[in-house]
Amino acid sequence: MVILTTSTSNQSFKVIPRSAQSSVTFELTDKSTRKTNAITVAVTNSNGYMTVTGAFVDGQSNNLMIEDRFYSFVIKNGSTIIYRGSIFCTDQTNFNTFDVHSGEYTTENTYDNDFVII
């Protein structure tokens, strides 16, 4: 999942597309309103990654990114989808680090290693 802010200036993120293209179509869909907008983006390709850079605004320069909303997007080469993903919009910068092992692994020291064989 890509995390972007409500900024109207250019923002960038990387994806691994199905094929490297120099010119693409980027469609952004707000999951709350189900409204889809075509966004003008610039792309660069390097080592299998595509860097997408663009200002996420509509044709009248209105900001499309709203705080705490989810979006889906597709990157197309003509009519062929080369990447599909999701975006979360937040202005939060201090993300909590999630650790799958945090507080779950404990060592038990209340027994000895004696085995009983019957």
PDB file of N, CA and C in Angstrom:
ATOM      1  N   MET A   1       0.843  -1.170   0.000  1.00  0.00           N
ATOM      2  CA  MET A   1       0.000   0.000   0.000  1.00  0.00           C
ATOM      3  C   MET A   1       0.892   1.239   0.000  1.00  0.00           C
ATOM      4  N   VAL A   2       0.533   2.167  -0.843  1.00  0.00           N
ATOM      5  CA  VAL A   2       1.243   3.428  -0.956  1.00  0.00           C
ATOM      6  C   VAL A   2       0.626   4.413   0.038  1.00  0.00           C
ATOM      7  N   ILE A   3       1.462   5.180   0.718  1.00  0.00           N
ATOM      8  CA  ILE A   3       0.976   6.210   1.642  1.00  0.00           C
ATOM      9  C   ILE A   3       1.359   7.570   1.072  1.00  0.00           C
ATOM     10  N   LEU A   4       0.348   8.405   0.831  1.00  0.00           N
ATOM     11  CA  LEU A   4       0.555   9.758   0.324  1.00  0.00           C
ATOM     12  C   LEU A   4      -0.062  10.760   1.288  1.00  0.00           C
ATOM     13  N   THR A   5       0.253  12.044   1.075  1.00  0.00           N
ATOM     14  CA  THR A   5      -0.268  13.102   1.929  1.00  0.00           C
ATOM     15  C   THR A   5      -1.307  13.929   1.167  1.00  0.00           C
ATOM     16  N   THR A   6      -1.880  14.906   1.846  1.00  0.00           N
ATOM     17  CA  THR A   6      -2.873  15.780   1.213  1.00  0.00           C
ATOM     18  C   THR A   6      -2.226  16.919   0.432  1.00  0.00           C
ATOM     19  N   SER A   7      -0.935  16.902   0.293  1.00  0.00           N
ATOM     20  CA  SER A   7      -0.207  17.953  -0.414  1.00  0.00           C
ATOM     21  C   SER A   7      -0.618  18.012  -1.883  1.00  0.00           C
ATOM     22  N   THR A   8      -0.671  19.225  -2.433  1.00  0.00           N
ATOM     23  CA  THR A   8      -0.979  19.393  -3.848  1.00  0.00           C
ATOM     24  C   THR A   8       0.286  19.478  -4.703  1.00  0.00           C
ATOM     25  N   SER A   9       1.457  19.386  -4.073  1.00  0.00           N
ATOM     26  CA  SER A   9       2.702  19.374  -4.839  1.00  0.00           C
ATOM     27  C   SER A   9       3.007  17.931  -5.274  1.00  0.00           C
ATOM     28  N   ASN A  10       4.021  17.766  -6.094  1.00  0.00           N
ATOM     29  CA  ASN A  10       4.367  16.446  -6.608  1.00  0.00           C
ATOM     30  C   ASN A  10       4.766  15.486  -5.489  1.00  0.00           C
ATOM     31  N   GLN A  11       4.279  14.260  -5.605  1.00  0.00           N
ATOM     32  CA  GLN A  11       4.634  13.176  -4.686  1.00  0.00           C
ATOM     33  C   GLN A  11       5.067  11.985  -5.530  1.00  0.00           C
ATOM     34  N   SER A  12       5.966  11.171  -4.994  1.00  0.00           N
ATOM     35  CA  SER A  12       6.500  10.031  -5.738  1.00  0.00           C
ATOM     36  C   SER A  12       6.368   8.747  -4.940  1.00  0.00           C
ATOM     37  N   PHE A  13       6.239   7.635  -5.665  1.00  0.00           N
ATOM     38  CA  PHE A  13       6.288   6.310  -5.061  1.00  0.00           C
ATOM     39  C   PHE A  13       6.747   5.315  -6.116  1.00  0.00           C
ATOM     40  N   LYS A  14       7.215   4.158  -5.654  1.00  0.00           N
ATOM     41  CA  LYS A  14       7.732   3.137  -6.559  1.00  0.00           C
ATOM     42  C   LYS A  14       6.808   1.928  -6.591  1.00  0.00           C
ATOM     43  N   VAL A  15       6.730   1.308  -7.775  1.00  0.00           N
ATOM     44  CA  VAL A  15       5.980   0.073  -7.963  1.00  0.00           C
ATOM     45  C   VAL A  15       6.806  -0.850  -8.850  1.00  0.00           C
ATOM     46  N   ILE A  16       6.418  -2.110  -8.889  1.00  0.00           N
ATOM     47  CA  ILE A  16       7.030  -3.071  -9.801  1.00  0.00           C
ATOM     48  C   ILE A  16       5.962  -3.445 -10.830  1.00  0.00           C
ATOM     49  N   PRO A  17       5.994  -2.824 -11.997  1.00  0.00           N
ATOM     50  CA  PRO A  17       4.947  -3.065 -12.995  1.00  0.00           C
ATOM     51  C   PRO A  17       5.180  -4.361 -13.771  1.00  0.00           C
ATOM     52  N   ARG A  18       4.175  -4.783 -14.519  1.00  0.00           N
ATOM     53  CA  ARG A  18       4.291  -5.968 -15.369  1.00  0.00           C
ATOM     54  C   ARG A  18       5.227  -5.718 -16.543  1.00  0.00           C
ATOM     55  N   SER A  19       5.290  -4.481 -17.003  1.00  0.00           N
ATOM     56  CA  SER A  19       6.204  -4.122 -18.091  1.00  0.00           C
ATOM     57  C   SER A  19       6.626  -2.670 -17.903  1.00  0.00           C
ATOM     58  N   ALA A  20       7.846  -2.364 -18.315  1.00  0.00           N
ATOM     59  CA  ALA A  20       8.364  -1.001 -18.191  1.00  0.00           C
ATOM     60  C   ALA A  20       7.873  -0.166 -19.356  1.00  0.00           C
ATOM     61  N   GLN A  21       7.284   0.962 -19.056  1.00  0.00           N
ATOM     62  CA  GLN A  21       6.759   1.867 -20.071  1.00  0.00           C
ATOM     63  C   GLN A  21       7.247   3.277 -19.781  1.00  0.00           C
ATOM     64  N   SER A  22       7.397   4.083 -20.815  1.00  0.00           N
ATOM     65  CA  SER A  22       7.828   5.468 -20.616  1.00  0.00           C
ATOM     66  C   SER A  22       6.657   6.436 -20.526  1.00  0.00           C
ATOM     67  N   SER A  23       5.490   5.989 -20.992  1.00  0.00           N
ATOM     68  CA  SER A  23       4.293   6.828 -20.934  1.00  0.00           C
ATOM     69  C   SER A  23       3.113   5.952 -20.525  1.00  0.00           C
ATOM     70  N   VAL A  24       2.412   6.364 -19.471  1.00  0.00           N
ATOM     71  CA  VAL A  24       1.316   5.555 -18.940  1.00  0.00           C
ATOM     72  C   VAL A  24       0.102   6.428 -18.645  1.00  0.00           C
ATOM     73  N   THR A  25      -1.018   5.757 -18.423  1.00  0.00           N
ATOM     74  CA  THR A  25      -2.235   6.404 -17.955  1.00  0.00           C
ATOM     75  C   THR A  25      -2.439   5.999 -16.506  1.00  0.00           C
ATOM     76  N   PHE A  26      -2.711   6.969 -15.633  1.00  0.00           N
ATOM     77  CA  PHE A  26      -2.890   6.714 -14.204  1.00  0.00           C
ATOM     78  C   PHE A  26      -4.318   7.078 -13.834  1.00  0.00           C
ATOM     79  N   GLU A  27      -5.074   6.103 -13.313  1.00  0.00           N
ATOM     80  CA  GLU A  27      -6.457   6.351 -12.894  1.00  0.00           C
ATOM     81  C   GLU A  27      -6.581   6.134 -11.396  1.00  0.00           C
ATOM     82  N   LEU A  28      -7.084   7.147 -10.706  1.00  0.00           N
ATOM     83  CA  LEU A  28      -7.244   7.128  -9.251  1.00  0.00           C
ATOM     84  C   LEU A  28      -8.724   7.067  -8.907  1.00  0.00           C
ATOM     85  N   THR A  29      -9.117   6.098  -8.066  1.00  0.00           N
ATOM     86  CA  THR A  29     -10.517   5.945  -7.667  1.00  0.00           C
ATOM     87  C   THR A  29     -10.643   6.108  -6.164  1.00  0.00           C
ATOM     88  N   ASP A  30     -11.485   7.050  -5.735  1.00  0.00           N
ATOM     89  CA  ASP A  30     -11.788   7.242  -4.317  1.00  0.00           C
ATOM     90  C   ASP A  30     -12.729   6.119  -3.891  1.00  0.00           C
ATOM     91  N   LYS A  31     -12.335   5.331  -2.905  1.00  0.00           N
ATOM     92  CA  LYS A  31     -13.152   4.190  -2.489  1.00  0.00           C
ATOM     93  C   LYS A  31     -14.412   4.610  -1.743  1.00  0.00           C
ATOM     94  N   SER A  32     -14.463   5.840  -1.241  1.00  0.00           N
ATOM     95  CA  SER A  32     -15.659   6.321  -0.544  1.00  0.00           C
ATOM     96  C   SER A  32     -16.732   6.792  -1.514  1.00  0.00           C
ATOM     97  N   THR A  33     -16.314   7.509  -2.539  1.00  0.00           N
ATOM     98  CA  THR A  33     -17.277   8.078  -3.484  1.00  0.00           C
ATOM     99  C   THR A  33     -17.381   7.293  -4.787  1.00  0.00           C
ATOM    100  N   ARG A  34     -16.454   6.379  -5.021  1.00  0.00           N
ATOM    101  CA  ARG A  34     -16.395   5.580  -6.265  1.00  0.00           C
ATOM    102  C   ARG A  34     -16.182   6.451  -7.499  1.00  0.00           C
ATOM    103  N   LYS A  35     -15.588   7.629  -7.308  1.00  0.00           N
ATOM    104  CA  LYS A  35     -15.313   8.527  -8.426  1.00  0.00           C
ATOM    105  C   LYS A  35     -13.885   8.290  -8.912  1.00  0.00           C
ATOM    106  N   THR A  36     -13.726   8.152 -10.226  1.00  0.00           N
ATOM    107  CA  THR A  36     -12.422   7.898 -10.831  1.00  0.00           C
ATOM    108  C   THR A  36     -11.943   9.124 -11.575  1.00  0.00           C
ATOM    109  N   ASN A  37     -10.658   9.471 -11.381  1.00  0.00           N
ATOM    110  CA  ASN A  37     -10.039  10.601 -12.060  1.00  0.00           C
ATOM    111  C   ASN A  37      -8.771  10.140 -12.755  1.00  0.00           C
ATOM    112  N   ALA A  38      -8.532  10.664 -13.934  1.00  0.00           N
ATOM    113  CA  ALA A  38      -7.272  10.431 -14.635  1.00  0.00           C
ATOM    114  C   ALA A  38      -6.278  11.488 -14.171  1.00  0.00           C
ATOM    115  N   ILE A  39      -5.119  11.048 -13.755  1.00  0.00           N
ATOM    116  CA  ILE A  39      -4.085  11.938 -13.226  1.00  0.00           C
ATOM    117  C   ILE A  39      -2.899  11.934 -14.188  1.00  0.00           C
ATOM    118  N   THR A  40      -2.328  13.108 -14.433  1.00  0.00           N
ATOM    119  CA  THR A  40      -1.124  13.204 -15.253  1.00  0.00           C
ATOM    120  C   THR A  40       0.082  12.914 -14.374  1.00  0.00           C
ATOM    121  N   VAL A  41       0.831  11.876 -14.729  1.00  0.00           N
ATOM    122  CA  VAL A  41       2.012  11.496 -13.955  1.00  0.00           C
ATOM    123  C   VAL A  41       3.199  11.341 -14.892  1.00  0.00           C
ATOM    124  N   ALA A  42       4.377  11.466 -14.310  1.00  0.00           N
ATOM    125  CA  ALA A  42       5.623  11.174 -15.020  1.00  0.00           C
ATOM    126  C   ALA A  42       6.180   9.884 -14.444  1.00  0.00           C
ATOM    127  N   VAL A  43       6.749   9.048 -15.286  1.00  0.00           N
ATOM    128  CA  VAL A  43       7.310   7.785 -14.808  1.00  0.00           C
ATOM    129  C   VAL A  43       8.755   7.651 -15.253  1.00  0.00           C
ATOM    130  N   THR A  44       9.548   7.022 -14.399  1.00  0.00           N
ATOM    131  CA  THR A  44      10.914   6.644 -14.747  1.00  0.00           C
ATOM    132  C   THR A  44      11.087   5.184 -14.353  1.00  0.00           C
ATOM    133  N   ASN A  45      11.874   4.453 -15.125  1.00  0.00           N
ATOM    134  CA  ASN A  45      12.094   3.037 -14.886  1.00  0.00           C
ATOM    135  C   ASN A  45      13.560   2.795 -14.593  1.00  0.00           C
ATOM    136  N   SER A  46      13.821   2.005 -13.536  1.00  0.00           N
ATOM    137  CA  SER A  46      15.187   1.673 -13.166  1.00  0.00           C
ATOM    138  C   SER A  46      15.210   0.371 -12.385  1.00  0.00           C
ATOM    139  N   ASN A  47      15.985  -0.598 -12.858  1.00  0.00           N
ATOM    140  CA  ASN A  47      16.174  -1.887 -12.188  1.00  0.00           C
ATOM    141  C   ASN A  47      14.866  -2.604 -11.886  1.00  0.00           C
ATOM    142  N   GLY A  48      13.916  -2.547 -12.789  1.00  0.00           N
ATOM    143  CA  GLY A  48      12.642  -3.236 -12.601  1.00  0.00           C
ATOM    144  C   GLY A  48      11.600  -2.453 -11.824  1.00  0.00           C
ATOM    145  N   TYR A  49      11.968  -1.298 -11.292  1.00  0.00           N
ATOM    146  CA  TYR A  49      11.031  -0.455 -10.548  1.00  0.00           C
ATOM    147  C   TYR A  49      10.579   0.705 -11.420  1.00  0.00           C
ATOM    148  N   MET A  50       9.334   1.086 -11.249  1.00  0.00           N
ATOM    149  CA  MET A  50       8.803   2.268 -11.913  1.00  0.00           C
ATOM    150  C   MET A  50       8.523   3.312 -10.836  1.00  0.00           C
ATOM    151  N   THR A  51       9.118   4.484 -10.968  1.00  0.00           N
ATOM    152  CA  THR A  51       8.847   5.586 -10.056  1.00  0.00           C
ATOM    153  C   THR A  51       7.779   6.466 -10.676  1.00  0.00           C
ATOM    154  N   VAL A  52       6.679   6.626  -9.944  1.00  0.00           N
ATOM    155  CA  VAL A  52       5.550   7.427 -10.410  1.00  0.00           C
ATOM    156  C   VAL A  52       5.580   8.754  -9.663  1.00  0.00           C
ATOM    157  N   THR A  53       5.566   9.855 -10.394  1.00  0.00           N
ATOM    158  CA  THR A  53       5.594  11.187  -9.789  1.00  0.00           C
ATOM    159  C   THR A  53       4.453  12.012 -10.363  1.00  0.00           C
ATOM    160  N   GLY A  54       3.688  12.630  -9.458  1.00  0.00           N
ATOM    161  CA  GLY A  54       2.588  13.465  -9.918  1.00  0.00           C
ATOM    162  C   GLY A  54       1.953  14.245  -8.791  1.00  0.00           C
ATOM    163  N   ALA A  55       1.209  15.272  -9.169  1.00  0.00           N
ATOM    164  CA  ALA A  55       0.411  16.046  -8.222  1.00  0.00           C
ATOM    165  C   ALA A  55      -1.011  15.491  -8.326  1.00  0.00           C
ATOM    166  N   PHE A  56      -1.548  15.021  -7.246  1.00  0.00           N
ATOM    167  CA  PHE A  56      -2.842  14.344  -7.262  1.00  0.00           C
ATOM    168  C   PHE A  56      -3.973  15.360  -7.112  1.00  0.00           C
ATOM    169  N   VAL A  57      -4.171  16.095  -8.216  1.00  0.00           N
ATOM    170  CA  VAL A  57      -5.194  17.131  -8.306  1.00  0.00           C
ATOM    171  C   VAL A  57      -6.018  16.874  -9.567  1.00  0.00           C
ATOM    172  N   ASP A  58      -7.239  17.411  -9.604  1.00  0.00           N
ATOM    173  CA  ASP A  58      -8.069  17.250 -10.797  1.00  0.00           C
ATOM    174  C   ASP A  58      -7.733  18.355 -11.802  1.00  0.00           C
ATOM    175  N   GLY A  59      -8.481  18.443 -12.873  1.00  0.00           N
ATOM    176  CA  GLY A  59      -8.232  19.420 -13.933  1.00  0.00           C
ATOM    177  C   GLY A  59      -8.307  20.870 -13.491  1.00  0.00           C
ATOM    178  N   GLN A  60      -9.058  21.155 -12.409  1.00  0.00           N
ATOM    179  CA  GLN A  60      -9.182  22.523 -11.905  1.00  0.00           C
ATOM    180  C   GLN A  60      -8.251  22.778 -10.713  1.00  0.00           C
ATOM    181  N   SER A  61      -7.227  21.954 -10.566  1.00  0.00           N
ATOM    182  CA  SER A  61      -6.237  22.047  -9.474  1.00  0.00           C
ATOM    183  C   SER A  61      -6.847  21.861  -8.099  1.00  0.00           C
ATOM    184  N   ASN A  62      -7.975  21.157  -7.995  1.00  0.00           N
ATOM    185  CA  ASN A  62      -8.553  20.812  -6.693  1.00  0.00           C
ATOM    186  C   ASN A  62      -7.887  19.539  -6.179  1.00  0.00           C
ATOM    187  N   ASN A  63      -7.555  19.547  -4.902  1.00  0.00           N
ATOM    188  CA  ASN A  63      -6.885  18.400  -4.304  1.00  0.00           C
ATOM    189  C   ASN A  63      -7.816  17.191  -4.290  1.00  0.00           C
ATOM    190  N   LEU A  64      -7.325  16.058  -4.774  1.00  0.00           N
ATOM    191  CA  LEU A  64      -8.111  14.821  -4.765  1.00  0.00           C
ATOM    192  C   LEU A  64      -7.837  13.979  -3.528  1.00  0.00           C
ATOM    193  N   MET A  65      -6.710  14.227  -2.864  1.00  0.00           N
ATOM    194  CA  MET A  65      -6.322  13.424  -1.707  1.00  0.00           C
ATOM    195  C   MET A  65      -6.919  14.024  -0.433  1.00  0.00           C
ATOM    196  N   ILE A  66      -7.773  13.242   0.233  1.00  0.00           N
ATOM    197  CA  ILE A  66      -8.445  13.680   1.455  1.00  0.00           C
ATOM    198  C   ILE A  66      -7.932  12.841   2.610  1.00  0.00           C
ATOM    199  N   GLU A  67      -7.646  13.506   3.713  1.00  0.00           N
ATOM    200  CA  GLU A  67      -7.099  12.856   4.915  1.00  0.00           C
ATOM    201  C   GLU A  67      -7.920  11.638   5.337  1.00  0.00           C
ATOM    202  N   ASP A  68      -7.234  10.548   5.672  1.00  0.00           N
ATOM    203  CA  ASP A  68      -7.819   9.302   6.189  1.00  0.00           C
ATOM    204  C   ASP A  68      -8.755   8.608   5.199  1.00  0.00           C
ATOM    205  N   ARG A  69      -8.464   8.706   3.921  1.00  0.00           N
ATOM    206  CA  ARG A  69      -9.253   8.006   2.908  1.00  0.00           C
ATOM    207  C   ARG A  69      -8.399   6.993   2.168  1.00  0.00           C
ATOM    208  N   PHE A  70      -9.075   5.961   1.686  1.00  0.00           N
ATOM    209  CA  PHE A  70      -8.434   4.936   0.879  1.00  0.00           C
ATOM    210  C   PHE A  70      -8.778   5.157  -0.592  1.00  0.00           C
ATOM    211  N   TYR A  71      -7.812   4.857  -1.443  1.00  0.00           N
ATOM    212  CA  TYR A  71      -7.969   4.992  -2.882  1.00  0.00           C
ATOM    213  C   TYR A  71      -7.418   3.737  -3.545  1.00  0.00           C
ATOM    214  N   SER A  72      -7.949   3.414  -4.706  1.00  0.00           N
ATOM    215  CA  SER A  72      -7.341   2.384  -5.539  1.00  0.00           C
ATOM    216  C   SER A  72      -6.850   3.076  -6.798  1.00  0.00           C
ATOM    217  N   PHE A  73      -5.840   2.476  -7.432  1.00  0.00           N
ATOM    218  CA  PHE A  73      -5.329   3.067  -8.661  1.00  0.00           C
ATOM    219  C   PHE A  73      -4.906   1.975  -9.622  1.00  0.00           C
ATOM    220  N   VAL A  74      -4.935   2.310 -10.890  1.00  0.00           N
ATOM    221  CA  VAL A  74      -4.411   1.438 -11.932  1.00  0.00           C
ATOM    222  C   VAL A  74      -3.474   2.252 -12.805  1.00  0.00           C
ATOM    223  N   ILE A  75      -2.420   1.598 -13.247  1.00  0.00           N
ATOM    224  CA  ILE A  75      -1.493   2.184 -14.203  1.00  0.00           C
ATOM    225  C   ILE A  75      -1.654   1.375 -15.480  1.00  0.00           C
ATOM    226  N   LYS A  76      -1.941   2.073 -16.572  1.00  0.00           N
ATOM    227  CA  LYS A  76      -2.224   1.394 -17.837  1.00  0.00           C
ATOM    228  C   LYS A  76      -1.253   1.814 -18.930  1.00  0.00           C
ATOM    229  N   ASN A  77      -0.986   0.858 -19.792  1.00  0.00           N
ATOM    230  CA  ASN A  77      -0.303   1.123 -21.047  1.00  0.00           C
ATOM    231  C   ASN A  77      -1.359   0.920 -22.126  1.00  0.00           C
ATOM    232  N   GLY A  78      -1.939   1.997 -22.608  1.00  0.00           N
ATOM    233  CA  GLY A  78      -3.091   1.888 -23.502  1.00  0.00           C
ATOM    234  C   GLY A  78      -4.280   1.376 -22.711  1.00  0.00           C
ATOM    235  N   SER A  79      -4.803   0.215 -23.105  1.00  0.00           N
ATOM    236  CA  SER A  79      -5.909  -0.377 -22.348  1.00  0.00           C
ATOM    237  C   SER A  79      -5.448  -1.539 -21.469  1.00  0.00           C
ATOM    238  N   THR A  80      -4.160  -1.860 -21.504  1.00  0.00           N
ATOM    239  CA  THR A  80      -3.605  -2.966 -20.721  1.00  0.00           C
ATOM    240  C   THR A  80      -3.157  -2.477 -19.353  1.00  0.00           C
ATOM    241  N   ILE A  81      -3.670  -3.103 -18.286  1.00  0.00           N
ATOM    242  CA  ILE A  81      -3.274  -2.735 -16.924  1.00  0.00           C
ATOM    243  C   ILE A  81      -1.914  -3.358 -16.630  1.00  0.00           C
ATOM    244  N   ILE A  82      -0.940  -2.500 -16.270  1.00  0.00           N
ATOM    245  CA  ILE A  82       0.385  -3.010 -15.933  1.00  0.00           C
ATOM    246  C   ILE A  82       0.654  -2.964 -14.423  1.00  0.00           C
ATOM    247  N   TYR A  83      -0.200  -2.279 -13.672  1.00  0.00           N
ATOM    248  CA  TYR A  83      -0.089  -2.285 -12.208  1.00  0.00           C
ATOM    249  C   TYR A  83      -1.419  -1.856 -11.606  1.00  0.00           C
ATOM    250  N   ARG A  84      -1.775  -2.508 -10.506  1.00  0.00           N
ATOM    251  CA  ARG A  84      -2.989  -2.168  -9.756  1.00  0.00           C
ATOM    252  C   ARG A  84      -2.584  -2.103  -8.280  1.00  0.00           C
ATOM    253  N   GLY A  85      -3.007  -1.041  -7.586  1.00  0.00           N
ATOM    254  CA  GLY A  85      -2.616  -0.902  -6.191  1.00  0.00           C
ATOM    255  C   GLY A  85      -3.604  -0.073  -5.392  1.00  0.00           C
ATOM    256  N   SER A  86      -3.223   0.196  -4.134  1.00  0.00           N
ATOM    257  CA  SER A  86      -4.069   1.004  -3.264  1.00  0.00           C
ATOM    258  C   SER A  86      -3.229   2.071  -2.578  1.00  0.00           C
ATOM    259  N   ILE A  87      -3.906   3.145  -2.198  1.00  0.00           N
ATOM    260  CA  ILE A  87      -3.274   4.305  -1.565  1.00  0.00           C
ATOM    261  C   ILE A  87      -4.052   4.639  -0.307  1.00  0.00           C
ATOM    262  N   PHE A  88      -3.323   5.015   0.751  1.00  0.00           N
ATOM    263  CA  PHE A  88      -3.937   5.583   1.939  1.00  0.00           C
ATOM    264  C   PHE A  88      -3.397   6.988   2.085  1.00  0.00           C
ATOM    265  N   CYS A  89      -4.283   7.954   2.321  1.00  0.00           N
ATOM    266  CA  CYS A  89      -3.884   9.354   2.452  1.00  0.00           C
ATOM    267  C   CYS A  89      -3.859   9.753   3.916  1.00  0.00           C
ATOM    268  N   THR A  90      -2.715  10.228   4.383  1.00  0.00           N
ATOM    269  CA  THR A  90      -2.581  10.724   5.744  1.00  0.00           C
ATOM    270  C   THR A  90      -1.469  11.761   5.788  1.00  0.00           C
ATOM    271  N   ASP A  91      -1.607  12.723   6.685  1.00  0.00           N
ATOM    272  CA  ASP A  91      -0.545  13.695   6.924  1.00  0.00           C
ATOM    273  C   ASP A  91       0.300  13.310   8.128  1.00  0.00           C
ATOM    274  N   GLN A  92       0.005  12.181   8.714  1.00  0.00           N
ATOM    275  CA  GLN A  92       0.764  11.697   9.866  1.00  0.00           C
ATOM    276  C   GLN A  92       2.168  11.319   9.409  1.00  0.00           C
ATOM    277  N   THR A  93       3.172  11.707  10.183  1.00  0.00           N
ATOM    278  CA  THR A  93       4.550  11.387   9.819  1.00  0.00           C
ATOM    279  C   THR A  93       5.217  10.447  10.813  1.00  0.00           C
ATOM    280  N   ASN A  94       4.695  10.336  12.011  1.00  0.00           N
ATOM    281  CA  ASN A  94       5.293   9.482  13.033  1.00  0.00           C
ATOM    282  C   ASN A  94       4.523   8.163  13.074  1.00  0.00           C
ATOM    283  N   PHE A  95       4.871   7.269  12.153  1.00  0.00           N
ATOM    284  CA  PHE A  95       4.179   5.990  12.091  1.00  0.00           C
ATOM    285  C   PHE A  95       4.675   5.076  13.195  1.00  0.00           C
ATOM    286  N   ASN A  96       3.741   4.360  13.830  1.00  0.00           N
ATOM    287  CA  ASN A  96       4.135   3.344  14.798  1.00  0.00           C
ATOM    288  C   ASN A  96       4.726   2.172  14.037  1.00  0.00           C
ATOM    289  N   THR A  97       5.816   1.646  14.550  1.00  0.00           N
ATOM    290  CA  THR A  97       6.437   0.505  13.911  1.00  0.00           C
ATOM    291  C   THR A  97       5.735  -0.749  14.367  1.00  0.00           C
ATOM    292  N   PHE A  98       5.294  -1.547  13.441  1.00  0.00           N
ATOM    293  CA  PHE A  98       4.586  -2.781  13.748  1.00  0.00           C
ATOM    294  C   PHE A  98       5.565  -3.938  13.687  1.00  0.00           C
ATOM    295  N   ASP A  99       5.579  -4.752  14.721  1.00  0.00           N
ATOM    296  CA  ASP A  99       6.431  -5.926  14.783  1.00  0.00           C
ATOM    297  C   ASP A  99       5.550  -7.125  15.078  1.00  0.00           C
ATOM    298  N   VAL A 100       5.552  -8.120  14.203  1.00  0.00           N
ATOM    299  CA  VAL A 100       4.666  -9.268  14.385  1.00  0.00           C
ATOM    300  C   VAL A 100       5.026 -10.079  15.615  1.00  0.00           C
ATOM    301  N   HIS A 101       6.244  -9.956  16.102  1.00  0.00           N
ATOM    302  CA  HIS A 101       6.680 -10.732  17.254  1.00  0.00           C
ATOM    303  C   HIS A 101       6.627  -9.944  18.563  1.00  0.00           C
ATOM    304  N   SER A 102       6.212  -8.719  18.512  1.00  0.00           N
ATOM    305  CA  SER A 102       6.203  -7.873  19.683  1.00  0.00           C
ATOM    306  C   SER A 102       5.258  -8.415  20.761  1.00  0.00           C
ATOM    307  N   GLY A 103       5.810  -8.779  21.908  1.00  0.00           N
ATOM    308  CA  GLY A 103       5.019  -9.223  23.044  1.00  0.00           C
ATOM    309  C   GLY A 103       4.468 -10.635  22.935  1.00  0.00           C
ATOM    310  N   GLU A 104       4.791 -11.369  21.878  1.00  0.00           N
ATOM    311  CA  GLU A 104       4.242 -12.706  21.711  1.00  0.00           C
ATOM    312  C   GLU A 104       5.219 -13.805  22.076  1.00  0.00           C
ATOM    313  N   TYR A 105       6.496 -13.582  21.947  1.00  0.00           N
ATOM    314  CA  TYR A 105       7.485 -14.602  22.247  1.00  0.00           C
ATOM    315  C   TYR A 105       7.989 -14.399  23.667  1.00  0.00           C
ATOM    316  N   THR A 106       7.741 -15.365  24.513  1.00  0.00           N
ATOM    317  CA  THR A 106       8.215 -15.288  25.890  1.00  0.00           C
ATOM    318  C   THR A 106       8.985 -16.564  26.213  1.00  0.00           C
ATOM    319  N   THR A 107       9.923 -16.440  27.109  1.00  0.00           N
ATOM    320  CA  THR A 107      10.709 -17.584  27.546  1.00  0.00           C
ATOM    321  C   THR A 107      10.208 -18.031  28.902  1.00  0.00           C
ATOM    322  N   GLU A 108       9.956 -19.314  29.036  1.00  0.00           N
ATOM    323  CA  GLU A 108       9.479 -19.890  30.295  1.00  0.00           C
ATOM    324  C   GLU A 108      10.674 -20.455  31.054  1.00  0.00           C
ATOM    325  N   ASN A 109      10.906 -19.967  32.269  1.00  0.00           N
ATOM    326  CA  ASN A 109      12.046 -20.398  33.079  1.00  0.00           C
ATOM    327  C   ASN A 109      11.615 -21.070  34.382  1.00  0.00           C
ATOM    328  N   THR A 110      10.383 -21.515  34.494  1.00  0.00           N
ATOM    329  CA  THR A 110       9.896 -22.054  35.766  1.00  0.00           C
ATOM    330  C   THR A 110       9.966 -23.568  35.852  1.00  0.00           C
ATOM    331  N   TYR A 111      10.562 -24.244  34.903  1.00  0.00           N
ATOM    332  CA  TYR A 111      10.660 -25.693  34.937  1.00  0.00           C
ATOM    333  C   TYR A 111      12.079 -26.108  34.602  1.00  0.00           C
ATOM    334  N   ASP A 112      12.406 -27.342  34.929  1.00  0.00           N
ATOM    335  CA  ASP A 112      13.717 -27.850  34.561  1.00  0.00           C
ATOM    336  C   ASP A 112      13.577 -28.751  33.324  1.00  0.00           C
ATOM    337  N   ASN A 113      14.655 -29.249  32.843  1.00  0.00           N
ATOM    338  CA  ASN A 113      14.648 -30.038  31.629  1.00  0.00           C
ATOM    339  C   ASN A 113      14.658 -31.546  31.903  1.00  0.00           C
ATOM    340  N   ASP A 114      14.025 -31.978  32.986  1.00  0.00           N
ATOM    341  CA  ASP A 114      13.969 -33.408  33.286  1.00  0.00           C
ATOM    342  C   ASP A 114      12.924 -34.073  32.405  1.00  0.00           C
ATOM    343  N   PHE A 115      13.295 -35.224  31.853  1.00  0.00           N
ATOM    344  CA  PHE A 115      12.371 -36.007  31.037  1.00  0.00           C
ATOM    345  C   PHE A 115      12.045 -37.302  31.751  1.00  0.00           C
ATOM    346  N   VAL A 116      10.829 -37.747  31.650  1.00  0.00           N
ATOM    347  CA  VAL A 116      10.405 -39.008  32.228  1.00  0.00           C
ATOM    348  C   VAL A 116      10.122 -39.949  31.074  1.00  0.00           C
ATOM    349  N   ILE A 117      10.837 -41.064  31.022  1.00  0.00           N
ATOM    350  CA  ILE A 117      10.640 -42.049  29.971  1.00  0.00           C
ATOM    351  C   ILE A 117       9.950 -43.247  30.571  1.00  0.00           C
ATOM    352  N   ILE A 118       8.839 -43.654  30.000  1.00  0.00           N
ATOM    353  CA  ILE A 118       8.067 -44.784  30.526  1.00  0.00           C
ATOM    354  C   ILE A 118       8.222 -45.970  29.611  1.00  0.00           C
TER     355      ILE A 118
END
